N, C-alpha and C. Protein backbone atom coordinates (compact mmCIF):
# COMPACT_ATOMS: atom_id res chain seq x y z
N UNK A 1 -40.86 -31.33 7.74
CA UNK A 1 -42.24 -30.76 7.69
C UNK A 1 -42.32 -29.53 6.69
N UNK A 2 -41.22 -28.52 7.37
CA UNK A 2 -41.05 -27.36 6.86
C UNK A 2 -40.27 -25.85 7.71
N UNK A 3 -39.99 -25.14 6.91
CA UNK A 3 -39.19 -24.06 7.70
C UNK A 3 -40.19 -23.34 8.82
N UNK A 4 -39.25 -23.56 10.19
CA UNK A 4 -39.89 -22.86 11.52
C UNK A 4 -39.22 -21.40 11.55
N UNK A 5 -38.74 -20.88 10.65
CA UNK A 5 -38.40 -19.82 10.97
C UNK A 5 -37.28 -19.67 11.86
N UNK A 6 -37.17 -20.20 12.32
CA UNK A 6 -35.90 -19.97 13.65
C UNK A 6 -34.88 -19.92 12.90
N UNK A 7 -34.06 -18.92 13.82
CA UNK A 7 -32.90 -18.52 13.25
C UNK A 7 -31.66 -18.55 13.95
N UNK A 8 -30.21 -18.79 13.65
CA UNK A 8 -29.67 -18.92 14.84
C UNK A 8 -29.09 -18.10 15.30
N UNK A 9 -28.54 -18.37 16.82
CA UNK A 9 -28.67 -17.03 17.59
C UNK A 9 -26.97 -16.58 17.45
N UNK A 10 -26.02 -17.08 16.73
CA UNK A 10 -24.93 -16.22 16.56
C UNK A 10 -25.52 -15.71 15.11
N UNK A 11 -25.19 -14.67 14.86
CA UNK A 11 -25.10 -13.65 13.95
C UNK A 11 -24.25 -14.07 12.92
N UNK A 12 -24.40 -14.35 11.19
CA UNK A 12 -23.18 -15.04 10.46
C UNK A 12 -22.96 -13.26 9.70
N UNK A 13 -21.82 -13.20 10.18
CA UNK A 13 -21.09 -11.80 9.54
C UNK A 13 -19.72 -12.11 9.16
N UNK A 14 -19.59 -11.94 7.70
CA UNK A 14 -18.54 -12.37 6.68
C UNK A 14 -17.86 -11.41 7.17
N UNK A 15 -16.69 -11.83 7.26
CA UNK A 15 -15.42 -10.94 7.63
C UNK A 15 -14.98 -9.87 6.41
N UNK A 16 -14.65 -8.93 7.05
CA UNK A 16 -14.53 -7.67 5.74
C UNK A 16 -13.36 -8.14 5.52
N UNK A 17 -12.42 -7.53 3.99
CA UNK A 17 -11.95 -7.91 3.53
C UNK A 17 -10.64 -7.24 4.04
N UNK A 18 -10.63 -6.03 4.32
CA UNK A 18 -9.79 -5.42 5.34
C UNK A 18 -10.03 -4.49 6.26
N UNK A 19 -9.22 -4.97 7.55
CA UNK A 19 -9.92 -4.30 9.13
C UNK A 19 -10.32 -2.68 8.39
N UNK A 20 -10.98 -2.27 8.90
CA UNK A 20 -11.36 -0.69 8.89
C UNK A 20 -10.46 0.57 9.55
N UNK A 21 -9.42 -0.03 10.51
CA UNK A 21 -8.41 0.81 10.78
C UNK A 21 -7.20 0.96 9.29
N UNK A 22 -7.36 -0.32 9.13
CA UNK A 22 -6.20 -0.37 7.56
C UNK A 22 -6.83 0.59 6.38
N UNK A 23 -8.24 0.56 6.44
CA UNK A 23 -8.55 1.63 5.33
C UNK A 23 -8.43 2.87 5.88
N UNK A 24 -8.40 3.06 7.26
CA UNK A 24 -8.40 4.70 7.67
C UNK A 24 -6.63 4.70 7.27
N UNK A 25 -5.89 3.97 7.71
CA UNK A 25 -4.33 4.17 7.70
C UNK A 25 -3.99 4.47 6.15
N UNK A 26 -4.57 3.41 5.38
CA UNK A 26 -4.30 4.01 3.88
C UNK A 26 -4.97 5.08 3.09
N UNK A 27 -5.99 5.60 3.78
CA UNK A 27 -6.20 6.98 3.45
C UNK A 27 -5.62 8.21 4.21
N UNK A 28 -4.99 8.04 4.87
CA UNK A 28 -4.34 8.85 5.54
C UNK A 28 -2.69 8.82 4.52
N UNK A 29 -1.89 7.61 4.32
CA UNK A 29 -0.93 7.78 3.25
C UNK A 29 -1.43 8.32 2.03
N UNK A 30 -2.54 7.92 1.40
CA UNK A 30 -2.74 8.26 0.29
C UNK A 30 -2.89 9.77 0.19
N UNK A 31 -3.83 10.44 1.32
CA UNK A 31 -3.50 12.06 1.31
C UNK A 31 -2.24 12.57 1.43
N UNK A 32 -1.27 12.07 2.44
CA UNK A 32 0.30 12.39 2.61
C UNK A 32 1.25 12.46 1.44
N UNK A 33 1.25 12.02 1.08
CA UNK A 33 1.82 11.29 -0.59
C UNK A 33 1.28 12.54 -1.52
N UNK A 34 -0.27 12.72 -1.53
CA UNK A 34 -0.66 13.68 -2.19
C UNK A 34 -0.34 15.36 -1.90
N UNK A 35 -0.26 15.56 -0.73
CA UNK A 35 0.38 16.66 -0.15
C UNK A 35 1.83 16.93 -0.17
N UNK A 36 2.72 16.11 0.20
CA UNK A 36 3.84 15.66 -0.54
C UNK A 36 4.24 16.36 -1.95
N UNK A 37 3.54 15.93 -3.04
CA UNK A 37 3.67 16.24 -4.17
C UNK A 37 3.47 17.92 -4.58
N UNK A 38 2.55 18.45 -3.57
CA UNK A 38 1.73 19.82 -3.64
C UNK A 38 2.62 20.39 -3.13
N UNK A 39 2.98 20.12 -1.94
CA UNK A 39 3.95 20.92 -1.21
C UNK A 39 5.95 21.06 -2.08
N UNK A 40 5.83 20.06 -2.86
CA UNK A 40 7.38 19.70 -3.63
C UNK A 40 7.10 20.74 -4.54
N UNK A 41 5.91 20.49 -5.14
CA UNK A 41 5.29 21.37 -6.63
C UNK A 41 5.80 22.92 -6.12
N UNK A 42 5.25 23.49 -5.30
CA UNK A 42 5.32 24.70 -4.71
C UNK A 42 6.48 25.13 -4.48
N UNK A 43 7.48 24.09 -4.00
CA UNK A 43 8.67 24.50 -3.49
C UNK A 43 9.32 24.79 -1.84
N UNK A 44 8.25 23.80 -1.78
CA UNK A 44 8.24 23.85 0.02
C UNK A 44 9.18 22.70 0.36
N UNK A 45 10.15 22.53 1.75
CA UNK A 45 10.88 21.46 1.81
C UNK A 45 9.67 20.90 2.96
N UNK A 46 8.55 21.23 3.26
CA UNK A 46 7.27 20.61 4.49
C UNK A 46 7.09 19.16 3.72
N UNK A 47 7.50 19.28 2.51
CA UNK A 47 6.48 18.42 1.64
C UNK A 47 7.64 16.55 2.44
N UNK A 48 9.15 16.81 2.96
CA UNK A 48 9.68 16.01 3.53
C UNK A 48 8.79 15.09 4.79
N UNK A 49 7.71 16.30 5.75
CA UNK A 49 7.32 15.46 7.10
C UNK A 49 6.22 15.14 6.52
N UNK A 50 5.72 15.37 4.89
CA UNK A 50 4.80 14.81 4.45
C UNK A 50 4.83 13.01 4.26
N UNK A 51 6.39 13.09 3.52
CA UNK A 51 6.82 11.39 2.87
C UNK A 51 7.25 10.97 4.70
N UNK A 52 7.53 11.35 5.47
CA UNK A 52 7.47 10.86 7.07
C UNK A 52 6.07 10.28 7.33
N UNK A 53 4.89 11.13 7.42
CA UNK A 53 3.87 10.19 7.49
C UNK A 53 3.20 9.68 6.65
N UNK A 54 3.92 9.76 5.49
CA UNK A 54 2.97 8.51 4.11
C UNK A 54 3.61 7.28 4.89
N UNK A 55 5.15 6.99 5.16
CA UNK A 55 5.79 5.86 5.31
C UNK A 55 5.25 5.66 6.93
N UNK A 56 5.23 6.40 7.66
CA UNK A 56 4.09 5.59 9.06
C UNK A 56 3.37 5.16 9.04
N UNK A 57 2.33 5.79 8.09
CA UNK A 57 0.72 5.21 7.85
C UNK A 57 0.70 4.30 6.81
N UNK A 58 1.66 4.05 6.06
CA UNK A 58 2.02 2.89 5.28
C UNK A 58 2.36 1.80 6.13
N UNK A 59 2.83 1.58 7.02
CA UNK A 59 3.20 0.61 7.69
C UNK A 59 2.25 0.53 8.98
N UNK A 60 1.55 1.02 9.38
CA UNK A 60 0.19 0.76 9.50
C UNK A 60 -0.47 0.13 9.34
N UNK A 61 -1.06 0.56 8.13
CA UNK A 61 -1.81 -0.05 6.89
C UNK A 61 -1.18 -1.46 6.93
N UNK A 62 -0.07 -1.86 6.61
CA UNK A 62 0.08 -3.42 6.41
C UNK A 62 0.16 -4.27 7.81
N UNK A 63 0.25 -3.43 8.56
CA UNK A 63 0.37 -4.18 10.22
C UNK A 63 -1.20 -4.43 10.20
N UNK A 64 -1.96 -3.59 10.29
CA UNK A 64 -3.69 -3.28 10.56
C UNK A 64 -4.04 -4.99 9.78
N UNK A 65 -3.62 -4.72 8.31
CA UNK A 65 -4.17 -5.92 7.17
C UNK A 65 -3.55 -7.30 7.90
N UNK A 66 -2.12 -6.98 7.98
CA UNK A 66 -1.90 -9.06 8.40
C UNK A 66 -2.13 -9.13 9.98
N UNK A 67 -2.45 -8.01 10.79
CA UNK A 67 -3.21 -8.49 11.89
C UNK A 67 -4.55 -8.74 11.85
N UNK A 68 -5.31 -8.68 11.01
CA UNK A 68 -6.27 -9.16 10.40
C UNK A 68 -6.52 -10.09 9.97
N UNK A 69 -5.55 -10.63 9.28
CA UNK A 69 -5.43 -11.79 8.05
C UNK A 69 -5.18 -12.83 9.17
N UNK A 70 -4.61 -12.79 10.25
CA UNK A 70 -4.04 -13.67 11.50
C UNK A 70 -5.31 -14.16 11.87
N UNK A 71 -6.00 -12.92 12.38
CA UNK A 71 -7.40 -13.00 12.86
C UNK A 71 -8.44 -14.30 12.52
N UNK A 72 -8.12 -13.96 11.04
CA UNK A 72 -8.97 -14.53 10.41
C UNK A 72 -8.78 -16.17 10.23
N UNK A 73 -7.29 -16.66 10.29
CA UNK A 73 -6.87 -17.63 10.20
C UNK A 73 -6.95 -18.23 11.46
N UNK A 74 -6.49 -17.74 12.69
CA UNK A 74 -6.95 -18.17 14.17
C UNK A 74 -8.31 -18.63 14.46
N UNK A 75 -9.25 -17.81 13.81
CA UNK A 75 -11.10 -18.39 13.81
C UNK A 75 -11.07 -19.42 12.82
N UNK A 76 -10.64 -19.73 11.94
CA UNK A 76 -10.91 -20.48 10.68
C UNK A 76 -10.35 -21.91 11.55
N UNK A 77 -8.98 -21.84 12.36
CA UNK A 77 -8.33 -22.89 12.72
C UNK A 77 -9.29 -23.20 13.89
N UNK A 78 -9.80 -22.40 14.80
CA UNK A 78 -10.29 -22.69 15.65
C UNK A 78 -11.50 -23.37 15.55
N UNK A 79 -12.47 -22.64 14.58
CA UNK A 79 -13.67 -23.65 13.86
C UNK A 79 -13.09 -25.06 13.62
N UNK A 80 -12.18 -24.97 12.86
CA UNK A 80 -12.36 -26.56 12.39
C UNK A 80 -11.76 -27.67 13.28
N UNK A 81 -11.38 -27.10 14.77
CA UNK A 81 -11.00 -28.02 15.89
C UNK A 81 -12.38 -28.08 16.43
N UNK A 82 -13.08 -27.24 16.59
CA UNK A 82 -14.57 -27.65 16.98
C UNK A 82 -15.11 -28.76 16.35
N UNK A 83 -15.03 -28.39 15.00
CA UNK A 83 -15.86 -29.42 13.97
C UNK A 83 -15.11 -30.83 14.21
N UNK A 84 -13.76 -30.68 14.47
CA UNK A 84 -13.33 -32.26 14.58
C UNK A 84 -13.51 -32.55 15.64
N UNK A 85 -13.42 -31.90 16.62
CA UNK A 85 -14.12 -32.35 18.48
C UNK A 85 -15.52 -32.87 18.08
N UNK A 86 -16.58 -32.68 17.34
CA UNK A 86 -17.49 -32.93 17.33
C UNK A 86 -17.78 -34.50 16.53
N UNK A 87 -16.79 -34.43 15.45
CA UNK A 87 -16.77 -36.05 14.99
C UNK A 87 -16.46 -36.85 15.79
N UNK A 88 -15.53 -36.71 16.64
CA UNK A 88 -14.94 -37.86 18.02
C UNK A 88 -16.35 -38.80 18.65
N UNK A 89 -16.17 -40.40 18.45
CA UNK A 89 -17.03 -41.13 19.32
C UNK A 89 -16.99 -40.73 20.88
N UNK A 90 -17.76 -40.74 21.54
CA UNK A 90 -18.21 -40.64 22.77
C UNK A 90 -17.66 -41.53 23.61
N UNK A 91 -16.88 -41.73 24.23
CA UNK A 91 -16.46 -43.05 24.88
C UNK A 91 -16.90 -42.87 26.42
N UNK A 92 -17.26 -43.93 26.99
CA UNK A 92 -17.52 -44.33 28.10
C UNK A 92 -18.45 -45.04 28.58
């Protein structure tokens, strides 16, 4: 007849392209690289510390991106498995 206006009890939220922690780590990495450049231009060896921080935050960025990707793939596989179980005929 028509739409009853009901909505699913499960909200449909699209997964973000990049996890939030990965974005934070990427921001820290970019700021650390900028600080290292400024430090070296001013003639300070403190830029070495900024380079080390940039390396650490870069690794954190890749870790969180990869973890988010694996979580999305696992969720898609679980959803596919649920759909496959729903298609099976009932025995009994």
